[in-house]
Amino acid sequence: DAYSIDDLLRDARAYHAKMMTDVGDLRVDQEATFHAEGAGESGARSIMYRKGARWRTDAKMTMQGNPGMPQGGSIDAIVLFDGKDHWSVAMGMKSKLPASAVQGQSSTPAYWVEPVAGSRVLGEETVNGRACWLVEGPAIPAGMKLMSEPTRSWIDKRSFVLVQSEAKLSGARVLTVFSDFRKVGGHYEIPYQADVLSDGKKTMTARIVKLETGTGLS
């Protein structure tokens, strides 16, 4: 029988649950650089803490020359999942978020983003030398102009990490390529770098600069 999305979700959830059990807990320090023209030294820094299913990401974003940024040119933000609800704290405001609004942040960098409901496995493909399951998201509802086509993700068949993802946003084809895969907690692995390209032009690079496991998080 063909490998279905239910099979992938079952195997991936089990794999990542075992990973978090084996590593104990996780701290990931990440730096991102924006490459847009005129961006200057714009970028972001974040620290993600994770223990089991619970996680928290503390981030600071700097956008030089952006008139929408507060004095000092940076914004601090916290996003967390307390085991039940997702929360955001930014610019002095705290709010509860729908799970869809924080997809991918639970595993910053997004080495594993669970496919949304309605996704399907299209088949197998090899990307950058890695055997992957090709997963397509559901059709986009009519009237949503920002994203005009279903998303596609290439998920490593062995380690269930993202190798590549593709979407069409505001008419541009946005490709995220994950690389520099390294071992974590023995035989597990995650990508230390992600590059985002819009119509073939690189717009952002994110790198893990520090990763710690078993740090004794409460």
N, C-alpha and C. Protein backbone atom coordinates (compact mmCIF):
# COMPACT_ATOMS: atom_id res chain seq x y z
N ASP A 1 0.83 -1.20 0.00
CA ASP A 1 0.00 0.00 0.00
C ASP A 1 0.87 1.26 0.00
N ALA A 2 0.37 2.34 -0.56
CA ALA A 2 1.11 3.60 -0.60
C ALA A 2 1.23 4.19 0.79
N TYR A 3 2.32 4.87 1.01
CA TYR A 3 2.57 5.55 2.29
C TYR A 3 1.69 6.80 2.33
N SER A 4 0.83 6.88 3.32
CA SER A 4 -0.15 7.97 3.39
C SER A 4 0.29 9.06 4.35
N ILE A 5 -0.45 10.16 4.35
CA ILE A 5 -0.16 11.24 5.28
C ILE A 5 -0.35 10.78 6.72
N ASP A 6 -1.31 9.89 6.95
CA ASP A 6 -1.51 9.36 8.31
C ASP A 6 -0.30 8.54 8.74
N ASP A 7 0.27 7.77 7.82
CA ASP A 7 1.47 7.00 8.13
C ASP A 7 2.62 7.93 8.48
N LEU A 8 2.79 9.00 7.68
CA LEU A 8 3.88 9.94 7.93
C LEU A 8 3.72 10.63 9.28
N LEU A 9 2.51 11.10 9.58
CA LEU A 9 2.28 11.77 10.86
C LEU A 9 2.55 10.83 12.03
N ARG A 10 2.10 9.58 11.91
CA ARG A 10 2.35 8.60 12.98
C ARG A 10 3.84 8.40 13.21
N ASP A 11 4.58 8.17 12.13
CA ASP A 11 6.00 7.88 12.26
C ASP A 11 6.80 9.11 12.70
N ALA A 12 6.45 10.29 12.16
CA ALA A 12 7.18 11.51 12.50
C ALA A 12 6.93 11.90 13.95
N ARG A 13 5.69 11.81 14.40
CA ARG A 13 5.38 12.15 15.79
C ARG A 13 6.13 11.24 16.74
N ALA A 14 6.18 9.96 16.43
CA ALA A 14 6.89 9.02 17.29
C ALA A 14 8.39 9.31 17.30
N TYR A 15 8.93 9.62 16.13
CA TYR A 15 10.36 9.90 16.02
C TYR A 15 10.74 11.13 16.83
N HIS A 16 9.99 12.23 16.68
CA HIS A 16 10.35 13.46 17.37
C HIS A 16 10.04 13.40 18.86
N ALA A 17 9.01 12.64 19.25
CA ALA A 17 8.75 12.45 20.67
C ALA A 17 9.90 11.70 21.33
N LYS A 18 10.41 10.68 20.65
CA LYS A 18 11.54 9.93 21.19
C LYS A 18 12.79 10.79 21.24
N MET A 19 12.97 11.65 20.21
CA MET A 19 14.11 12.55 20.20
C MET A 19 14.09 13.44 21.43
N MET A 20 12.94 14.06 21.72
CA MET A 20 12.87 14.97 22.85
C MET A 20 13.03 14.23 24.17
N THR A 21 12.56 13.00 24.24
CA THR A 21 12.77 12.19 25.45
C THR A 21 14.25 11.89 25.64
N ASP A 22 14.93 11.55 24.55
CA ASP A 22 16.34 11.18 24.65
C ASP A 22 17.25 12.37 24.94
N VAL A 23 16.97 13.53 24.34
CA VAL A 23 17.84 14.69 24.56
C VAL A 23 17.50 15.42 25.85
N GLY A 24 16.34 15.15 26.43
CA GLY A 24 15.96 15.76 27.70
C GLY A 24 15.28 17.09 27.52
N ASP A 25 15.98 18.06 27.04
CA ASP A 25 15.41 19.36 26.67
C ASP A 25 16.38 20.03 25.72
N LEU A 26 15.98 21.18 25.20
CA LEU A 26 16.71 21.76 24.09
C LEU A 26 16.76 23.27 24.20
N ARG A 27 17.94 23.84 23.90
CA ARG A 27 18.08 25.28 23.73
C ARG A 27 18.77 25.52 22.40
N VAL A 28 18.16 26.39 21.58
CA VAL A 28 18.71 26.69 20.27
C VAL A 28 18.83 28.20 20.11
N ASP A 29 20.07 28.68 19.91
CA ASP A 29 20.32 30.09 19.61
C ASP A 29 20.48 30.24 18.10
N GLN A 30 19.74 31.17 17.54
CA GLN A 30 19.72 31.32 16.09
C GLN A 30 19.88 32.78 15.71
N GLU A 31 20.57 33.01 14.60
CA GLU A 31 20.70 34.36 14.03
C GLU A 31 20.22 34.33 12.59
N ALA A 32 19.49 35.36 12.19
CA ALA A 32 18.99 35.47 10.82
C ALA A 32 19.42 36.80 10.23
N THR A 33 19.75 36.78 8.97
CA THR A 33 20.13 37.98 8.24
C THR A 33 19.19 38.15 7.06
N PHE A 34 18.67 39.37 6.89
CA PHE A 34 17.80 39.67 5.76
C PHE A 34 18.64 40.25 4.64
N HIS A 35 18.40 39.77 3.43
CA HIS A 35 19.22 40.17 2.29
C HIS A 35 18.52 41.13 1.33
N ALA A 36 17.35 41.61 1.70
CA ALA A 36 16.62 42.50 0.80
C ALA A 36 17.44 43.77 0.54
N GLU A 37 17.25 44.33 -0.64
CA GLU A 37 17.99 45.53 -1.00
C GLU A 37 17.67 46.67 -0.03
N GLY A 38 18.72 47.30 0.51
CA GLY A 38 18.54 48.38 1.46
C GLY A 38 18.30 47.92 2.89
N ALA A 39 18.40 46.60 3.12
CA ALA A 39 18.13 46.08 4.47
C ALA A 39 19.24 46.40 5.45
N GLY A 40 20.44 46.66 4.92
CA GLY A 40 21.56 47.00 5.80
C GLY A 40 21.87 45.88 6.77
N GLU A 41 21.92 46.21 8.07
CA GLU A 41 22.23 45.22 9.10
C GLU A 41 20.97 44.60 9.68
N SER A 42 19.88 44.63 8.95
CA SER A 42 18.62 44.09 9.45
C SER A 42 18.71 42.58 9.64
N GLY A 43 18.03 42.10 10.68
CA GLY A 43 18.05 40.67 10.95
C GLY A 43 17.30 40.36 12.22
N ALA A 44 17.51 39.17 12.74
CA ALA A 44 16.81 38.75 13.95
C ALA A 44 17.69 37.77 14.72
N ARG A 45 17.51 37.79 16.02
CA ARG A 45 18.15 36.81 16.90
C ARG A 45 17.09 36.18 17.77
N SER A 46 17.22 34.90 18.02
CA SER A 46 16.22 34.23 18.84
C SER A 46 16.86 33.12 19.67
N ILE A 47 16.22 32.84 20.79
CA ILE A 47 16.59 31.70 21.62
C ILE A 47 15.32 30.89 21.83
N MET A 48 15.36 29.62 21.44
CA MET A 48 14.22 28.74 21.64
C MET A 48 14.55 27.73 22.74
N TYR A 49 13.64 27.63 23.69
CA TYR A 49 13.75 26.64 24.75
C TYR A 49 12.63 25.63 24.56
N ARG A 50 12.96 24.35 24.68
CA ARG A 50 11.93 23.34 24.50
C ARG A 50 12.14 22.19 25.48
N LYS A 51 11.03 21.76 26.10
CA LYS A 51 11.05 20.59 26.98
C LYS A 51 9.78 19.81 26.69
N GLY A 52 9.93 18.62 26.13
CA GLY A 52 8.76 17.86 25.72
C GLY A 52 7.98 18.63 24.67
N ALA A 53 6.68 18.78 24.89
CA ALA A 53 5.84 19.50 23.94
C ALA A 53 5.85 21.01 24.19
N ARG A 54 6.32 21.43 25.36
CA ARG A 54 6.28 22.85 25.71
C ARG A 54 7.51 23.57 25.18
N TRP A 55 7.32 24.81 24.76
CA TRP A 55 8.42 25.56 24.19
C TRP A 55 8.19 27.05 24.35
N ARG A 56 9.28 27.79 24.22
CA ARG A 56 9.24 29.25 24.29
C ARG A 56 10.34 29.80 23.38
N THR A 57 10.01 30.84 22.62
CA THR A 57 10.99 31.50 21.75
C THR A 57 11.06 32.98 22.11
N ASP A 58 12.24 33.45 22.49
CA ASP A 58 12.49 34.87 22.74
C ASP A 58 13.24 35.43 21.54
N ALA A 59 12.68 36.46 20.90
CA ALA A 59 13.29 36.97 19.67
C ALA A 59 13.42 38.48 19.70
N LYS A 60 14.42 38.97 19.00
CA LYS A 60 14.62 40.40 18.79
C LYS A 60 14.82 40.61 17.29
N MET A 61 13.99 41.45 16.70
CA MET A 61 14.09 41.74 15.28
C MET A 61 14.53 43.18 15.06
N THR A 62 15.49 43.37 14.17
CA THR A 62 16.00 44.69 13.84
C THR A 62 15.78 44.95 12.35
N MET A 63 15.12 46.06 12.04
CA MET A 63 14.87 46.42 10.64
C MET A 63 15.34 47.85 10.43
N GLN A 64 16.57 48.02 10.00
CA GLN A 64 17.12 49.36 9.82
C GLN A 64 16.38 50.11 8.71
N GLY A 65 16.07 51.36 8.99
CA GLY A 65 15.43 52.19 7.98
C GLY A 65 13.94 51.96 7.83
N ASN A 66 13.35 51.10 8.67
CA ASN A 66 11.92 50.84 8.58
C ASN A 66 11.18 51.83 9.48
N PRO A 67 10.36 52.71 8.91
CA PRO A 67 9.68 53.73 9.73
C PRO A 67 8.65 53.13 10.69
N GLY A 68 8.27 51.88 10.46
CA GLY A 68 7.29 51.25 11.34
C GLY A 68 7.89 50.69 12.61
N MET A 69 9.21 50.70 12.72
CA MET A 69 9.87 50.16 13.91
C MET A 69 9.93 51.22 14.99
N PRO A 70 9.88 50.82 16.26
CA PRO A 70 9.97 51.78 17.36
C PRO A 70 11.36 52.38 17.45
N GLN A 71 11.51 53.39 18.31
CA GLN A 71 12.81 54.03 18.50
C GLN A 71 13.83 52.99 18.94
N GLY A 72 14.98 53.03 18.32
CA GLY A 72 15.99 52.01 18.58
C GLY A 72 16.04 50.99 17.48
N GLY A 73 14.97 50.91 16.67
CA GLY A 73 14.98 50.06 15.50
C GLY A 73 14.83 48.58 15.74
N SER A 74 14.31 48.17 16.89
CA SER A 74 14.16 46.74 17.14
C SER A 74 12.88 46.46 17.91
N ILE A 75 12.42 45.23 17.79
CA ILE A 75 11.23 44.76 18.49
C ILE A 75 11.57 43.46 19.20
N ASP A 76 11.22 43.36 20.48
CA ASP A 76 11.36 42.13 21.24
C ASP A 76 10.02 41.41 21.27
N ALA A 77 10.04 40.11 21.10
CA ALA A 77 8.80 39.35 21.09
C ALA A 77 9.02 37.99 21.73
N ILE A 78 8.00 37.49 22.39
CA ILE A 78 8.01 36.16 22.99
C ILE A 78 6.81 35.39 22.43
N VAL A 79 7.04 34.17 21.99
CA VAL A 79 5.96 33.28 21.60
C VAL A 79 6.18 31.98 22.36
N LEU A 80 5.10 31.45 22.96
CA LEU A 80 5.28 30.22 23.73
C LEU A 80 4.05 29.33 23.64
N PHE A 81 4.28 28.05 23.94
CA PHE A 81 3.22 27.05 24.04
C PHE A 81 3.34 26.43 25.41
N ASP A 82 2.29 26.57 26.23
CA ASP A 82 2.36 26.11 27.61
C ASP A 82 1.85 24.68 27.81
N GLY A 83 1.68 23.97 26.72
CA GLY A 83 1.15 22.62 26.79
C GLY A 83 -0.31 22.54 26.41
N LYS A 84 -0.96 23.71 26.38
CA LYS A 84 -2.38 23.78 26.01
C LYS A 84 -2.64 24.90 25.01
N ASP A 85 -2.18 26.10 25.30
CA ASP A 85 -2.45 27.26 24.46
C ASP A 85 -1.17 27.92 23.98
N HIS A 86 -1.28 28.64 22.85
CA HIS A 86 -0.18 29.44 22.32
C HIS A 86 -0.38 30.90 22.73
N TRP A 87 0.74 31.55 23.12
CA TRP A 87 0.67 32.94 23.58
C TRP A 87 1.75 33.77 22.89
N SER A 88 1.45 35.05 22.72
CA SER A 88 2.42 36.00 22.18
C SER A 88 2.50 37.21 23.09
N VAL A 89 3.72 37.69 23.32
CA VAL A 89 3.93 38.92 24.07
C VAL A 89 4.85 39.80 23.23
N ALA A 90 4.33 40.94 22.77
CA ALA A 90 5.11 41.84 21.94
C ALA A 90 4.64 43.27 22.17
N MET A 91 5.58 44.19 22.30
CA MET A 91 5.31 45.62 22.49
C MET A 91 4.31 45.84 23.63
N GLY A 92 4.50 45.07 24.71
CA GLY A 92 3.69 45.25 25.91
C GLY A 92 2.32 44.61 25.85
N MET A 93 2.01 43.89 24.79
CA MET A 93 0.69 43.28 24.65
C MET A 93 0.79 41.76 24.65
N LYS A 94 -0.07 41.12 25.44
CA LYS A 94 -0.11 39.68 25.51
C LYS A 94 -1.40 39.19 24.88
N SER A 95 -1.31 38.16 24.05
CA SER A 95 -2.51 37.66 23.40
C SER A 95 -2.40 36.17 23.15
N LYS A 96 -3.56 35.51 23.14
CA LYS A 96 -3.61 34.09 22.81
C LYS A 96 -3.67 33.96 21.29
N LEU A 97 -2.96 32.97 20.75
CA LEU A 97 -2.87 32.80 19.31
C LEU A 97 -3.47 31.48 18.87
N PRO A 98 -4.08 31.44 17.69
CA PRO A 98 -4.49 30.15 17.14
C PRO A 98 -3.25 29.36 16.74
N ALA A 99 -3.33 28.05 16.80
CA ALA A 99 -2.17 27.22 16.50
C ALA A 99 -1.64 27.49 15.10
N SER A 100 -2.53 27.80 14.15
CA SER A 100 -2.11 28.03 12.78
C SER A 100 -1.20 29.25 12.65
N ALA A 101 -1.31 30.20 13.59
CA ALA A 101 -0.53 31.43 13.51
C ALA A 101 0.91 31.22 13.94
N VAL A 102 1.21 30.11 14.58
CA VAL A 102 2.58 29.88 15.07
C VAL A 102 3.17 28.61 14.49
N GLN A 103 2.58 28.12 13.41
CA GLN A 103 3.10 26.90 12.80
C GLN A 103 4.57 27.07 12.45
N GLY A 104 5.38 26.13 12.90
CA GLY A 104 6.81 26.20 12.60
C GLY A 104 7.62 26.80 13.72
N GLN A 105 7.03 27.69 14.53
CA GLN A 105 7.80 28.32 15.60
C GLN A 105 8.10 27.35 16.73
N SER A 106 7.30 26.28 16.84
CA SER A 106 7.52 25.33 17.92
C SER A 106 8.82 24.57 17.76
N SER A 107 9.40 24.61 16.59
CA SER A 107 10.63 23.87 16.35
C SER A 107 11.70 24.76 15.75
N THR A 108 11.67 26.03 16.09
CA THR A 108 12.64 26.97 15.55
C THR A 108 14.06 26.48 15.78
N PRO A 109 14.94 26.35 14.79
CA PRO A 109 14.57 26.50 13.39
C PRO A 109 13.63 25.37 12.98
N ALA A 110 12.82 25.60 12.00
CA ALA A 110 11.71 24.70 11.71
C ALA A 110 12.18 23.40 11.07
N TYR A 111 12.92 22.59 11.83
CA TYR A 111 13.40 21.33 11.29
C TYR A 111 12.26 20.35 11.08
N TRP A 112 11.15 20.57 11.78
CA TRP A 112 9.98 19.72 11.60
C TRP A 112 8.73 20.55 11.80
N VAL A 113 7.96 20.70 10.74
CA VAL A 113 6.68 21.39 10.80
C VAL A 113 5.62 20.39 10.38
N GLU A 114 4.72 20.07 11.27
CA GLU A 114 3.72 19.05 10.97
C GLU A 114 2.80 19.53 9.85
N PRO A 115 2.61 18.74 8.80
CA PRO A 115 1.72 19.14 7.71
C PRO A 115 0.32 19.47 8.23
N VAL A 116 -0.30 20.48 7.63
CA VAL A 116 -1.62 20.91 8.08
C VAL A 116 -2.66 19.89 7.65
N ALA A 117 -3.83 19.96 8.28
CA ALA A 117 -4.92 19.06 7.95
C ALA A 117 -5.26 19.17 6.46
N GLY A 118 -5.50 18.05 5.84
CA GLY A 118 -5.83 18.05 4.42
C GLY A 118 -4.64 17.85 3.51
N SER A 119 -3.43 17.73 4.09
CA SER A 119 -2.24 17.47 3.28
C SER A 119 -2.23 16.03 2.79
N ARG A 120 -1.41 15.77 1.77
CA ARG A 120 -1.30 14.41 1.25
C ARG A 120 0.12 14.15 0.76
N VAL A 121 0.52 12.89 0.82
CA VAL A 121 1.83 12.49 0.33
C VAL A 121 1.71 12.21 -1.16
N LEU A 122 2.47 12.96 -1.97
CA LEU A 122 2.42 12.79 -3.42
C LEU A 122 3.32 11.67 -3.91
N GLY A 123 4.38 11.38 -3.13
CA GLY A 123 5.31 10.34 -3.54
C GLY A 123 6.68 10.58 -2.94
N GLU A 124 7.70 10.06 -3.61
CA GLU A 124 9.07 10.15 -3.13
C GLU A 124 9.91 10.94 -4.12
N GLU A 125 10.83 11.75 -3.59
CA GLU A 125 11.79 12.48 -4.42
C GLU A 125 13.10 12.60 -3.66
N THR A 126 14.19 12.72 -4.39
CA THR A 126 15.49 12.95 -3.78
C THR A 126 15.86 14.42 -3.95
N VAL A 127 16.15 15.09 -2.85
CA VAL A 127 16.51 16.51 -2.86
C VAL A 127 17.86 16.68 -2.16
N ASN A 128 18.81 17.25 -2.87
CA ASN A 128 20.15 17.46 -2.31
C ASN A 128 20.73 16.18 -1.73
N GLY A 129 20.48 15.07 -2.43
CA GLY A 129 21.04 13.79 -2.03
C GLY A 129 20.30 13.09 -0.91
N ARG A 130 19.16 13.63 -0.48
CA ARG A 130 18.41 13.04 0.63
C ARG A 130 17.07 12.51 0.12
N ALA A 131 16.77 11.25 0.45
CA ALA A 131 15.49 10.64 0.07
C ALA A 131 14.38 11.27 0.90
N CYS A 132 13.34 11.79 0.24
CA CYS A 132 12.30 12.55 0.91
C CYS A 132 10.90 12.06 0.52
N TRP A 133 9.96 12.31 1.42
CA TRP A 133 8.54 12.24 1.08
C TRP A 133 8.14 13.63 0.60
N LEU A 134 7.45 13.69 -0.53
CA LEU A 134 6.94 14.95 -1.04
C LEU A 134 5.50 15.12 -0.58
N VAL A 135 5.25 16.18 0.20
CA VAL A 135 3.93 16.41 0.79
C VAL A 135 3.35 17.70 0.24
N GLU A 136 2.10 17.65 -0.18
CA GLU A 136 1.42 18.84 -0.68
C GLU A 136 0.31 19.24 0.27
N GLY A 137 0.24 20.54 0.57
CA GLY A 137 -0.81 21.06 1.44
C GLY A 137 -2.14 21.11 0.71
N PRO A 138 -3.22 21.39 1.44
CA PRO A 138 -4.55 21.45 0.82
C PRO A 138 -4.69 22.65 -0.11
N ALA A 139 -5.69 22.60 -0.96
CA ALA A 139 -5.96 23.71 -1.87
C ALA A 139 -6.27 24.96 -1.06
N ILE A 140 -5.85 26.10 -1.57
CA ILE A 140 -6.06 27.38 -0.90
C ILE A 140 -7.48 27.87 -1.15
N PRO A 141 -8.22 28.27 -0.11
CA PRO A 141 -9.59 28.76 -0.30
C PRO A 141 -9.65 29.94 -1.25
N ALA A 142 -10.72 30.03 -2.00
CA ALA A 142 -10.90 31.15 -2.92
C ALA A 142 -10.92 32.46 -2.16
N GLY A 143 -10.32 33.48 -2.75
CA GLY A 143 -10.31 34.80 -2.11
C GLY A 143 -9.07 35.09 -1.32
N MET A 144 -8.23 34.07 -1.06
CA MET A 144 -6.99 34.30 -0.33
C MET A 144 -5.89 34.60 -1.36
N LYS A 145 -5.60 35.88 -1.55
CA LYS A 145 -4.69 36.30 -2.60
C LYS A 145 -3.22 36.18 -2.20
N LEU A 146 -2.93 36.19 -0.90
CA LEU A 146 -1.53 36.16 -0.47
C LEU A 146 -0.86 34.87 -0.92
N MET A 147 -1.51 33.75 -0.68
CA MET A 147 -0.95 32.45 -1.05
C MET A 147 -1.87 31.82 -2.08
N SER A 148 -1.43 31.75 -3.33
CA SER A 148 -2.33 31.37 -4.41
C SER A 148 -2.22 29.92 -4.85
N GLU A 149 -1.26 29.17 -4.29
CA GLU A 149 -1.09 27.77 -4.66
C GLU A 149 -0.84 26.93 -3.42
N PRO A 150 -1.13 25.63 -3.51
CA PRO A 150 -0.82 24.74 -2.37
C PRO A 150 0.68 24.75 -2.08
N THR A 151 1.04 24.58 -0.82
CA THR A 151 2.45 24.50 -0.45
C THR A 151 2.96 23.08 -0.66
N ARG A 152 4.27 22.96 -0.83
CA ARG A 152 4.90 21.65 -0.94
C ARG A 152 6.07 21.57 0.03
N SER A 153 6.24 20.40 0.63
CA SER A 153 7.34 20.18 1.57
C SER A 153 8.01 18.86 1.25
N TRP A 154 9.34 18.86 1.35
CA TRP A 154 10.11 17.65 1.16
C TRP A 154 10.66 17.25 2.53
N ILE A 155 10.21 16.11 3.04
CA ILE A 155 10.53 15.67 4.40
C ILE A 155 11.41 14.43 4.33
N ASP A 156 12.56 14.48 4.99
CA ASP A 156 13.51 13.37 4.99
C ASP A 156 12.83 12.09 5.46
N LYS A 157 12.98 11.02 4.70
CA LYS A 157 12.28 9.76 5.00
C LYS A 157 12.80 9.09 6.25
N ARG A 158 14.05 9.35 6.61
CA ARG A 158 14.63 8.67 7.76
C ARG A 158 14.53 9.49 9.04
N SER A 159 14.86 10.79 8.94
CA SER A 159 14.91 11.61 10.15
C SER A 159 13.75 12.59 10.28
N PHE A 160 12.83 12.59 9.33
CA PHE A 160 11.62 13.41 9.42
C PHE A 160 11.93 14.88 9.70
N VAL A 161 12.94 15.42 9.05
CA VAL A 161 13.23 16.85 9.10
C VAL A 161 12.94 17.45 7.73
N LEU A 162 12.64 18.73 7.72
CA LEU A 162 12.41 19.41 6.45
C LEU A 162 13.73 19.55 5.68
N VAL A 163 13.70 19.22 4.42
CA VAL A 163 14.85 19.40 3.54
C VAL A 163 14.61 20.60 2.62
N GLN A 164 13.34 20.81 2.28
CA GLN A 164 12.99 21.93 1.41
C GLN A 164 11.49 22.17 1.51
N SER A 165 11.07 23.43 1.34
CA SER A 165 9.65 23.74 1.27
C SER A 165 9.44 24.82 0.21
N GLU A 166 8.24 24.84 -0.36
CA GLU A 166 7.96 25.75 -1.45
C GLU A 166 6.54 26.27 -1.34
N ALA A 167 6.38 27.57 -1.58
CA ALA A 167 5.06 28.19 -1.56
C ALA A 167 5.05 29.35 -2.52
N LYS A 168 3.88 29.77 -2.93
CA LYS A 168 3.75 30.95 -3.76
C LYS A 168 3.06 32.02 -2.94
N LEU A 169 3.79 33.11 -2.65
CA LEU A 169 3.29 34.18 -1.78
C LEU A 169 3.27 35.49 -2.55
N SER A 170 2.11 36.10 -2.63
CA SER A 170 1.95 37.38 -3.33
C SER A 170 2.56 37.33 -4.73
N GLY A 171 2.38 36.21 -5.39
CA GLY A 171 2.86 36.06 -6.75
C GLY A 171 4.28 35.59 -6.89
N ALA A 172 5.05 35.56 -5.80
CA ALA A 172 6.45 35.14 -5.85
C ALA A 172 6.58 33.70 -5.38
N ARG A 173 7.46 32.94 -6.02
CA ARG A 173 7.71 31.57 -5.59
C ARG A 173 8.79 31.60 -4.51
N VAL A 174 8.41 31.21 -3.31
CA VAL A 174 9.30 31.26 -2.15
C VAL A 174 9.78 29.84 -1.83
N LEU A 175 11.08 29.67 -1.86
CA LEU A 175 11.70 28.37 -1.61
C LEU A 175 12.57 28.47 -0.37
N THR A 176 12.40 27.55 0.57
CA THR A 176 13.24 27.47 1.76
C THR A 176 14.06 26.19 1.67
N VAL A 177 15.38 26.33 1.72
CA VAL A 177 16.29 25.20 1.58
C VAL A 177 17.06 25.01 2.88
N PHE A 178 16.96 23.82 3.45
CA PHE A 178 17.64 23.50 4.71
C PHE A 178 18.93 22.74 4.41
N SER A 179 19.99 23.05 5.17
CA SER A 179 21.29 22.45 4.90
C SER A 179 22.12 22.35 6.18
N ASP A 180 23.35 21.88 6.03
CA ASP A 180 24.28 21.72 7.15
C ASP A 180 23.64 20.88 8.26
N PHE A 181 23.22 19.68 7.90
CA PHE A 181 22.60 18.77 8.86
C PHE A 181 23.66 18.23 9.82
N ARG A 182 23.35 18.29 11.12
CA ARG A 182 24.30 17.83 12.13
C ARG A 182 23.59 16.93 13.14
N LYS A 183 24.40 16.05 13.75
CA LYS A 183 23.87 15.12 14.73
C LYS A 183 23.50 15.83 16.02
N VAL A 184 22.41 15.41 16.63
CA VAL A 184 21.96 15.92 17.92
C VAL A 184 21.56 14.74 18.78
N GLY A 185 22.10 14.67 19.99
CA GLY A 185 21.72 13.61 20.90
C GLY A 185 21.99 12.22 20.37
N GLY A 186 23.13 12.03 19.71
CA GLY A 186 23.47 10.72 19.19
C GLY A 186 23.19 10.59 17.71
N HIS A 187 22.07 9.95 17.34
CA HIS A 187 21.81 9.68 15.93
C HIS A 187 20.76 10.59 15.30
N TYR A 188 20.15 11.47 16.10
CA TYR A 188 19.18 12.42 15.54
C TYR A 188 19.93 13.51 14.79
N GLU A 189 19.24 14.25 13.95
CA GLU A 189 19.91 15.33 13.23
C GLU A 189 18.91 16.43 12.91
N ILE A 190 19.44 17.67 12.84
CA ILE A 190 18.64 18.81 12.42
C ILE A 190 19.51 19.70 11.54
N PRO A 191 18.90 20.50 10.67
CA PRO A 191 19.68 21.41 9.83
C PRO A 191 20.09 22.65 10.60
N TYR A 192 21.34 23.05 10.46
CA TYR A 192 21.84 24.24 11.14
C TYR A 192 21.66 25.51 10.30
N GLN A 193 21.27 25.36 9.04
CA GLN A 193 21.09 26.54 8.20
C GLN A 193 19.84 26.42 7.35
N ALA A 194 19.16 27.57 7.16
CA ALA A 194 18.02 27.65 6.26
C ALA A 194 18.17 28.91 5.41
N ASP A 195 18.03 28.75 4.10
CA ASP A 195 18.09 29.88 3.18
C ASP A 195 16.73 30.04 2.51
N VAL A 196 16.22 31.26 2.50
CA VAL A 196 14.94 31.56 1.87
C VAL A 196 15.19 32.33 0.59
N LEU A 197 14.60 31.85 -0.51
CA LEU A 197 14.77 32.50 -1.81
C LEU A 197 13.40 32.86 -2.37
N SER A 198 13.29 34.06 -2.91
CA SER A 198 12.06 34.53 -3.54
C SER A 198 12.32 34.70 -5.03
N ASP A 199 11.68 33.89 -5.85
CA ASP A 199 11.93 33.87 -7.29
C ASP A 199 13.41 33.75 -7.60
N GLY A 200 14.08 32.90 -6.83
CA GLY A 200 15.49 32.60 -7.06
C GLY A 200 16.46 33.55 -6.40
N LYS A 201 15.98 34.63 -5.80
CA LYS A 201 16.86 35.60 -5.15
C LYS A 201 16.81 35.41 -3.64
N LYS A 202 17.99 35.24 -3.02
CA LYS A 202 18.04 34.98 -1.58
C LYS A 202 17.56 36.19 -0.79
N THR A 203 16.62 35.96 0.12
CA THR A 203 16.07 37.05 0.93
C THR A 203 16.41 36.92 2.41
N MET A 204 16.74 35.70 2.86
CA MET A 204 17.08 35.53 4.28
C MET A 204 17.93 34.29 4.46
N THR A 205 18.86 34.38 5.41
CA THR A 205 19.64 33.23 5.85
C THR A 205 19.54 33.13 7.36
N ALA A 206 19.19 31.96 7.86
CA ALA A 206 19.12 31.73 9.30
C ALA A 206 20.07 30.60 9.66
N ARG A 207 20.83 30.81 10.75
CA ARG A 207 21.79 29.80 11.19
C ARG A 207 21.71 29.58 12.69
N ILE A 208 21.85 28.33 13.08
CA ILE A 208 22.02 28.02 14.49
C ILE A 208 23.45 28.35 14.87
N VAL A 209 23.61 29.15 15.91
CA VAL A 209 24.95 29.51 16.37
C VAL A 209 25.31 28.80 17.67
N LYS A 210 24.31 28.21 18.31
CA LYS A 210 24.56 27.47 19.54
C LYS A 210 23.40 26.52 19.78
N LEU A 211 23.70 25.28 20.16
CA LEU A 211 22.65 24.32 20.48
C LEU A 211 23.09 23.52 21.69
N GLU A 212 22.22 23.43 22.68
CA GLU A 212 22.50 22.68 23.89
C GLU A 212 21.35 21.73 24.20
N THR A 213 21.67 20.55 24.68
CA THR A 213 20.64 19.59 25.11
C THR A 213 20.87 19.25 26.58
N GLY A 214 19.83 18.76 27.22
CA GLY A 214 19.96 18.34 28.61
C GLY A 214 20.37 19.45 29.54
N THR A 215 19.81 20.66 29.34
CA THR A 215 20.23 21.82 30.13
C THR A 215 19.48 21.95 31.44
N GLY A 216 18.55 21.05 31.73
CA GLY A 216 17.85 21.08 33.00
C GLY A 216 16.75 22.12 33.09
N LEU A 217 16.04 22.34 31.99
CA LEU A 217 14.92 23.29 32.01
C LEU A 217 13.83 22.82 32.94
N SER A 218 13.22 23.77 33.64
CA SER A 218 12.09 23.42 34.52
C SER A 218 10.85 23.21 33.67
